[in-house]
Amino acid sequence: MNDVSYTDEKLYIATHCLVGDGDIKDRLYNAYISSLHVLTKNDFPEHLRQDYLYVESMLTKVEATGDEGNATASINALTDEEAVKIAEKILDLAFDIAEINASDAQD
C-alpha cells in the first residue's frame, strides 16, 4: 500500500473548506484551490481512483473564458445538487483515506 499521509493531509484541508462559510460552490472552489488541485490519481489507492477522477473532472471540465480559470468556470456551471454530490464524494474520499492512513500508522 502506498503512503497516503500526503493525500490525507490535503483532503483534511479540503473538508475544512467544505464546512466553512459561503454557499456550496464557493466552498467547493476553496477546497479545490486550497488543496485538491495538487492531488493526482496516483495519490489514491486503486480502489478510490475512480471517485477521485470523478471529482477532478467535475471541477475542471468546463473550459475557462477570459482569466477565470477552469475550476471557476466548471464550478459556476454546476447545479447546487451537483455541487452537493461532489462535496459528499470529497468527504467520502477523506474518510476512506483517513481510515487507511490510521491503519497504516498502526502497522
C-alpha atoms as a PDB file:
ATOM      1  CA  MET A   1       0.000   0.000   0.000  1.00  0.00           C
ATOM      2  CA  ASN A   2       1.258   3.466  -0.847  1.00  0.00           C
ATOM      3  CA  ASP A   3       1.724   6.004   1.896  1.00  0.00           C
ATOM      4  CA  VAL A   4      -1.433   8.122   1.896  1.00  0.00           C
ATOM      5  CA  SER A   5      -0.430  10.639   4.577  1.00  0.00           C
ATOM      6  CA  TYR A   6       0.037  13.419   1.977  1.00  0.00           C
ATOM      7  CA  THR A   7      -3.386  12.666   0.471  1.00  0.00           C
ATOM      8  CA  ASP A   8      -4.900  12.548   3.953  1.00  0.00           C
ATOM      9  CA  GLU A   9      -3.464  15.986   4.751  1.00  0.00           C
ATOM     10  CA  LYS A  10      -4.817  17.533   1.539  1.00  0.00           C
ATOM     11  CA  LEU A  11      -8.280  16.008   1.994  1.00  0.00           C
ATOM     12  CA  TYR A  12      -8.326  17.171   5.622  1.00  0.00           C
ATOM     13  CA  ILE A  13      -7.785  20.743   4.408  1.00  0.00           C
ATOM     14  CA  ALA A  14     -10.458  20.314   1.735  1.00  0.00           C
ATOM     15  CA  THR A  15     -13.038  19.084   4.254  1.00  0.00           C
ATOM     16  CA  HIS A  16     -12.445  22.131   6.416  1.00  0.00           C
ATOM     17  CA  CYS A  17     -13.097  24.335   3.401  1.00  0.00           C
ATOM     18  CA  LEU A  18     -16.309  22.442   2.680  1.00  0.00           C
ATOM     19  CA  VAL A  19     -17.747  23.168   6.119  1.00  0.00           C
ATOM     20  CA  GLY A  20     -16.782  26.850   6.131  1.00  0.00           C
ATOM     21  CA  ASP A  21     -18.803  29.930   5.294  1.00  0.00           C
ATOM     22  CA  GLY A  22     -20.328  30.616   1.890  1.00  0.00           C
ATOM     23  CA  ASP A  23     -22.538  28.768  -0.500  1.00  0.00           C
ATOM     24  CA  ILE A  24     -21.632  25.279  -1.648  1.00  0.00           C
ATOM     25  CA  LYS A  25     -19.997  26.450  -4.871  1.00  0.00           C
ATOM     26  CA  ASP A  26     -17.755  28.906  -3.002  1.00  0.00           C
ATOM     27  CA  ARG A  27     -16.769  26.173  -0.565  1.00  0.00           C
ATOM     28  CA  LEU A  28     -16.019  23.718  -3.394  1.00  0.00           C
ATOM     29  CA  TYR A  29     -13.846  26.307  -5.096  1.00  0.00           C
ATOM     30  CA  ASN A  30     -11.958  26.953  -1.853  1.00  0.00           C
ATOM     31  CA  ALA A  31     -11.462  23.212  -1.313  1.00  0.00           C
ATOM     32  CA  TYR A  32     -10.132  22.795  -4.840  1.00  0.00           C
ATOM     33  CA  ILE A  33      -7.781  25.784  -4.772  1.00  0.00           C
ATOM     34  CA  SER A  34      -6.518  25.203  -1.228  1.00  0.00           C
ATOM     35  CA  SER A  35      -5.594  21.551  -1.624  1.00  0.00           C
ATOM     36  CA  LEU A  36      -7.369  19.329  -4.131  1.00  0.00           C
ATOM     37  CA  HIS A  37      -5.697  20.783  -7.231  1.00  0.00           C
ATOM     38  CA  VAL A  38      -2.320  19.349  -6.204  1.00  0.00           C
ATOM     39  CA  LEU A  39      -3.566  15.762  -5.977  1.00  0.00           C
ATOM     40  CA  THR A  40      -3.407  13.255  -8.805  1.00  0.00           C
ATOM     41  CA  LYS A  41      -4.934   9.825  -9.287  1.00  0.00           C
ATOM     42  CA  ASN A  42      -1.608   8.330  -8.208  1.00  0.00           C
ATOM     43  CA  ASP A  43      -2.105   9.798  -4.728  1.00  0.00           C
ATOM     44  CA  PHE A  44      -5.032   7.411  -4.229  1.00  0.00           C
ATOM     45  CA  PRO A  45      -5.197   3.657  -3.803  1.00  0.00           C
ATOM     46  CA  GLU A  46      -6.520   1.882  -6.892  1.00  0.00           C
ATOM     47  CA  HIS A  47      -9.997   1.302  -5.417  1.00  0.00           C
ATOM     48  CA  LEU A  48     -10.524   5.060  -4.802  1.00  0.00           C
ATOM     49  CA  ARG A  49      -9.147   6.434  -8.050  1.00  0.00           C
ATOM     50  CA  GLN A  50     -12.456   6.463  -9.920  1.00  0.00           C
ATOM     51  CA  ASP A  51     -14.043   8.561  -7.175  1.00  0.00           C
ATOM     52  CA  TYR A  52     -11.138  10.980  -7.259  1.00  0.00           C
ATOM     53  CA  LEU A  53     -11.257  11.194 -11.065  1.00  0.00           C
ATOM     54  CA  TYR A  54     -14.976  11.967 -10.890  1.00  0.00           C
ATOM     55  CA  VAL A  55     -14.333  14.874  -8.511  1.00  0.00           C
ATOM     56  CA  GLU A  56     -11.403  16.166 -10.546  1.00  0.00           C
ATOM     57  CA  SER A  57     -13.301  16.010 -13.825  1.00  0.00           C
ATOM     58  CA  MET A  58     -16.396  17.724 -12.430  1.00  0.00           C
ATOM     59  CA  LEU A  59     -14.296  20.572 -11.003  1.00  0.00           C
ATOM     60  CA  THR A  60     -12.273  21.178 -14.166  1.00  0.00           C
ATOM     61  CA  LYS A  61     -14.371  20.053 -17.148  1.00  0.00           C
ATOM     62  CA  VAL A  62     -15.542  23.458 -18.399  1.00  0.00           C
ATOM     63  CA  GLU A  63     -13.036  25.409 -20.463  1.00  0.00           C
ATOM     64  CA  ALA A  64     -12.286  28.815 -18.996  1.00  0.00           C
ATOM     65  CA  THR A  65     -13.140  32.012 -20.770  1.00  0.00           C
ATOM     66  CA  GLY A  66     -11.055  35.049 -20.074  1.00  0.00           C
ATOM     67  CA  ASP A  67      -8.988  34.787 -16.927  1.00  0.00           C
ATOM     68  CA  GLU A  68     -11.469  32.940 -14.701  1.00  0.00           C
ATOM     69  CA  GLY A  69      -9.756  29.507 -14.795  1.00  0.00           C
ATOM     70  CA  ASN A  70     -11.236  26.087 -15.484  1.00  0.00           C
ATOM     71  CA  ALA A  71     -12.164  25.475 -11.831  1.00  0.00           C
ATOM     72  CA  THR A  72     -14.185  28.678 -11.622  1.00  0.00           C
ATOM     73  CA  ALA A  73     -15.906  28.015 -14.938  1.00  0.00           C
ATOM     74  CA  SER A  74     -16.659  24.404 -14.030  1.00  0.00           C
ATOM     75  CA  ILE A  75     -17.965  25.131 -10.546  1.00  0.00           C
ATOM     76  CA  ASN A  76     -20.124  28.012 -11.774  1.00  0.00           C
ATOM     77  CA  ALA A  77     -21.696  25.652 -14.316  1.00  0.00           C
ATOM     78  CA  LEU A  78     -22.727  23.143 -11.621  1.00  0.00           C
ATOM     79  CA  THR A  79     -26.224  22.937 -10.208  1.00  0.00           C
ATOM     80  CA  ASP A  80     -26.467  23.087  -6.425  1.00  0.00           C
ATOM     81  CA  GLU A  81     -27.393  19.385  -6.446  1.00  0.00           C
ATOM     82  CA  GLU A  82     -24.263  18.506  -8.429  1.00  0.00           C
ATOM     83  CA  ALA A  83     -22.145  20.635  -6.106  1.00  0.00           C
ATOM     84  CA  VAL A  84     -23.533  18.833  -3.059  1.00  0.00           C
ATOM     85  CA  LYS A  85     -22.860  15.447  -4.672  1.00  0.00           C
ATOM     86  CA  ILE A  86     -19.242  16.414  -5.351  1.00  0.00           C
ATOM     87  CA  ALA A  87     -18.791  17.708  -1.794  1.00  0.00           C
ATOM     88  CA  GLU A  88     -20.169  14.437  -0.442  1.00  0.00           C
ATOM     89  CA  LYS A  89     -17.748  12.493  -2.657  1.00  0.00           C
ATOM     90  CA  ILE A  90     -14.848  14.560  -1.302  1.00  0.00           C
ATOM     91  CA  LEU A  91     -15.968  13.803   2.255  1.00  0.00           C
ATOM     92  CA  ASP A  92     -16.233  10.083   1.428  1.00  0.00           C
ATOM     93  CA  LEU A  93     -12.718  10.133  -0.005  1.00  0.00           C
ATOM     94  CA  ALA A  94     -11.430  11.973   3.058  1.00  0.00           C
ATOM     95  CA  PHE A  95     -12.947   9.416   5.431  1.00  0.00           C
ATOM     96  CA  ASP A  96     -11.674   6.478   3.385  1.00  0.00           C
ATOM     97  CA  ILE A  97      -8.139   7.884   3.152  1.00  0.00           C
ATOM     98  CA  ALA A  98      -8.091   8.801   6.857  1.00  0.00           C
ATOM     99  CA  GLU A  99      -9.071   5.232   7.705  1.00  0.00           C
ATOM    100  CA  ILE A 100      -6.292   3.818   5.516  1.00  0.00           C
ATOM    101  CA  ASN A 101      -3.786   6.267   6.976  1.00  0.00           C
ATOM    102  CA  ALA A 102      -4.765   5.352  10.528  1.00  0.00           C
ATOM    103  CA  SER A 103      -4.483   1.658   9.712  1.00  0.00           C
ATOM    104  CA  ASP A 104      -1.055   2.175   8.132  1.00  0.00           C
ATOM    105  CA  ALA A 105       0.105   4.073  11.235  1.00  0.00           C
ATOM    106  CA  GLN A 106      -0.801   1.111  13.435  1.00  0.00           C
ATOM    107  CA  ASP A 107       1.191  -1.360  11.329  1.00  0.00           C
END
